[in-house]
Amino acid sequence: MEDARRDVQTLRLEALEARQQAERLLEQLTGELKELSGGKDLYKQVTGQNSLERAIDETRRMIACYSRVLEQLDKPEGELVVRRLNWQSQGVAG
């Protein structure tokens, strides 16, 4: 049980760090989008959305995913999820 708690704490710290990194990336991307001066964007010509807009959308989704992971880890049953993941990574069905 202590191993599972350590695993939950480790996952929590990694998820927090990853979410913070994604938030910094989002700030950079939105800043660059504001500076964009309407140059030719082949991606936009094909998809209707420029590549920076697409990257911003994907980064927002990534931040939302990390937030959901953190919410789950805060719940008591989060330990069970970590334990199950550990078993699966060791090749044991759980």
C-alpha atoms as a PDB file:
ATOM      1  CA  MET A   1       0.000   0.000   0.000  1.00  0.00           C
ATOM      2  CA  GLU A   2       2.888   2.368   0.730  1.00  0.00           C
ATOM      3  CA  ASP A   3       4.325   1.650  -2.710  1.00  0.00           C
ATOM      4  CA  ALA A   4       0.998   2.615  -4.267  1.00  0.00           C
ATOM      5  CA  ARG A   5       0.971   5.884  -2.282  1.00  0.00           C
ATOM      6  CA  ARG A   6       4.507   6.656  -3.433  1.00  0.00           C
ATOM      7  CA  ASP A   7       3.467   5.867  -6.995  1.00  0.00           C
ATOM      8  CA  VAL A   8       0.471   8.197  -6.694  1.00  0.00           C
ATOM      9  CA  GLN A   9       2.711  10.976  -5.366  1.00  0.00           C
ATOM     10  CA  THR A  10       5.240  10.413  -8.151  1.00  0.00           C
ATOM     11  CA  LEU A  11       2.512  10.466 -10.808  1.00  0.00           C
ATOM     12  CA  ARG A  12       1.017  13.574  -9.241  1.00  0.00           C
ATOM     13  CA  LEU A  13       4.342  15.433  -9.325  1.00  0.00           C
ATOM     14  CA  GLU A  14       5.019  14.342 -12.912  1.00  0.00           C
ATOM     15  CA  ALA A  15       1.521  15.340 -14.027  1.00  0.00           C
ATOM     16  CA  LEU A  16       1.824  18.727 -12.313  1.00  0.00           C
ATOM     17  CA  GLU A  17       5.169  19.368 -13.954  1.00  0.00           C
ATOM     18  CA  ALA A  18       3.875  18.306 -17.366  1.00  0.00           C
ATOM     19  CA  ARG A  19       0.766  20.487 -17.019  1.00  0.00           C
ATOM     20  CA  GLN A  20       2.895  23.489 -16.022  1.00  0.00           C
ATOM     21  CA  GLN A  21       5.138  22.901 -19.018  1.00  0.00           C
ATOM     22  CA  ALA A  22       2.075  22.706 -21.282  1.00  0.00           C
ATOM     23  CA  GLU A  23       0.731  25.938 -19.776  1.00  0.00           C
ATOM     24  CA  ARG A  24       4.034  27.688 -20.548  1.00  0.00           C
ATOM     25  CA  LEU A  25       3.883  26.348 -24.094  1.00  0.00           C
ATOM     26  CA  LEU A  26       0.316  27.627 -24.453  1.00  0.00           C
ATOM     27  CA  GLU A  27       1.453  31.105 -23.381  1.00  0.00           C
ATOM     28  CA  GLN A  28       4.222  31.044 -25.978  1.00  0.00           C
ATOM     29  CA  LEU A  29       1.925  29.827 -28.730  1.00  0.00           C
ATOM     30  CA  THR A  30      -0.781  32.399 -28.018  1.00  0.00           C
ATOM     31  CA  GLY A  31       1.877  35.124 -27.937  1.00  0.00           C
ATOM     32  CA  GLU A  32       3.194  34.026 -31.311  1.00  0.00           C
ATOM     33  CA  LEU A  33      -0.313  33.885 -32.754  1.00  0.00           C
ATOM     34  CA  LYS A  34      -0.844  37.513 -31.745  1.00  0.00           C
ATOM     35  CA  GLU A  35       2.385  38.458 -33.517  1.00  0.00           C
ATOM     36  CA  LEU A  36       1.514  36.513 -36.666  1.00  0.00           C
ATOM     37  CA  SER A  37       1.269  38.957 -39.543  1.00  0.00           C
ATOM     38  CA  GLY A  38      -0.916  37.020 -41.977  1.00  0.00           C
ATOM     39  CA  GLY A  39       1.891  35.292 -43.850  1.00  0.00           C
ATOM     40  CA  LYS A  40       1.157  32.320 -46.077  1.00  0.00           C
ATOM     41  CA  ASP A  41       0.326  29.248 -44.026  1.00  0.00           C
ATOM     42  CA  LEU A  42       0.001  26.152 -46.192  1.00  0.00           C
ATOM     43  CA  TYR A  43      -1.603  24.246 -43.325  1.00  0.00           C
ATOM     44  CA  LYS A  44      -4.376  26.857 -43.168  1.00  0.00           C
ATOM     45  CA  GLN A  45      -4.916  26.711 -46.906  1.00  0.00           C
ATOM     46  CA  VAL A  46      -5.598  22.986 -46.630  1.00  0.00           C
ATOM     47  CA  THR A  47      -7.439  22.740 -43.294  1.00  0.00           C
ATOM     48  CA  GLY A  48      -8.920  26.210 -42.798  1.00  0.00           C
ATOM     49  CA  GLN A  49      -7.065  26.567 -39.493  1.00  0.00           C
ATOM     50  CA  ASN A  50      -3.521  27.826 -39.197  1.00  0.00           C
ATOM     51  CA  SER A  51      -0.870  25.644 -37.645  1.00  0.00           C
ATOM     52  CA  LEU A  52      -0.522  27.829 -34.540  1.00  0.00           C
ATOM     53  CA  GLU A  53      -4.277  27.695 -33.895  1.00  0.00           C
ATOM     54  CA  ARG A  54      -4.111  23.921 -34.202  1.00  0.00           C
ATOM     55  CA  ALA A  55      -1.157  23.731 -31.799  1.00  0.00           C
ATOM     56  CA  ILE A  56      -3.004  25.961 -29.314  1.00  0.00           C
ATOM     57  CA  ASP A  57      -6.105  23.730 -29.458  1.00  0.00           C
ATOM     58  CA  GLU A  58      -4.023  20.583 -28.938  1.00  0.00           C
ATOM     59  CA  THR A  59      -2.139  22.169 -26.038  1.00  0.00           C
ATOM     60  CA  ARG A  60      -5.407  23.172 -24.358  1.00  0.00           C
ATOM     61  CA  ARG A  61      -6.630  19.580 -24.691  1.00  0.00           C
ATOM     62  CA  MET A  62      -3.387  18.329 -23.195  1.00  0.00           C
ATOM     63  CA  ILE A  63      -3.747  20.672 -20.205  1.00  0.00           C
ATOM     64  CA  ALA A  64      -7.331  19.457 -19.693  1.00  0.00           C
ATOM     65  CA  CYS A  65      -6.128  15.834 -19.744  1.00  0.00           C
ATOM     66  CA  TYR A  66      -3.457  16.535 -17.137  1.00  0.00           C
ATOM     67  CA  SER A  67      -6.061  18.276 -14.987  1.00  0.00           C
ATOM     68  CA  ARG A  68      -8.326  15.203 -15.190  1.00  0.00           C
ATOM     69  CA  VAL A  69      -5.424  12.934 -14.239  1.00  0.00           C
ATOM     70  CA  LEU A  70      -4.678  15.130 -11.235  1.00  0.00           C
ATOM     71  CA  GLU A  71      -8.344  15.085 -10.181  1.00  0.00           C
ATOM     72  CA  GLN A  72      -8.364  11.280 -10.362  1.00  0.00           C
ATOM     73  CA  LEU A  73      -5.152  11.009  -8.372  1.00  0.00           C
ATOM     74  CA  ASP A  74      -6.690  13.149  -5.633  1.00  0.00           C
ATOM     75  CA  LYS A  75      -9.471  10.604  -5.192  1.00  0.00           C
ATOM     76  CA  PRO A  76      -8.938   7.621  -2.860  1.00  0.00           C
ATOM     77  CA  GLU A  77      -9.468   5.174  -5.711  1.00  0.00           C
ATOM     78  CA  GLY A  78      -6.496   6.764  -7.488  1.00  0.00           C
ATOM     79  CA  GLU A  79      -4.246   4.299  -5.706  1.00  0.00           C
ATOM     80  CA  LEU A  80      -6.075   1.423  -7.354  1.00  0.00           C
ATOM     81  CA  VAL A  81      -5.511   2.919 -10.786  1.00  0.00           C
ATOM     82  CA  VAL A  82      -1.775   3.224 -10.105  1.00  0.00           C
ATOM     83  CA  ARG A  83      -1.577  -0.303  -8.761  1.00  0.00           C
ATOM     84  CA  ARG A  84      -3.409  -1.635 -11.824  1.00  0.00           C
ATOM     85  CA  LEU A  85      -1.055   0.258 -14.126  1.00  0.00           C
ATOM     86  CA  ASN A  86       1.945  -1.184 -12.304  1.00  0.00           C
ATOM     87  CA  TRP A  87       0.618  -4.720 -12.703  1.00  0.00           C
ATOM     88  CA  GLN A  88      -0.056  -4.192 -16.380  1.00  0.00           C
ATOM     89  CA  SER A  89       3.433  -2.839 -16.961  1.00  0.00           C
ATOM     90  CA  GLN A  90       4.843  -5.994 -15.369  1.00  0.00           C
ATOM     91  CA  GLY A  91       2.778  -8.168 -17.706  1.00  0.00           C
ATOM     92  CA  VAL A  92       0.273  -9.295 -15.050  1.00  0.00           C
ATOM     93  CA  ALA A  93      -3.406  -9.081 -15.933  1.00  0.00           C
ATOM     94  CA  GLY A  94      -5.318  -7.226 -13.299  1.00  0.00           C
END
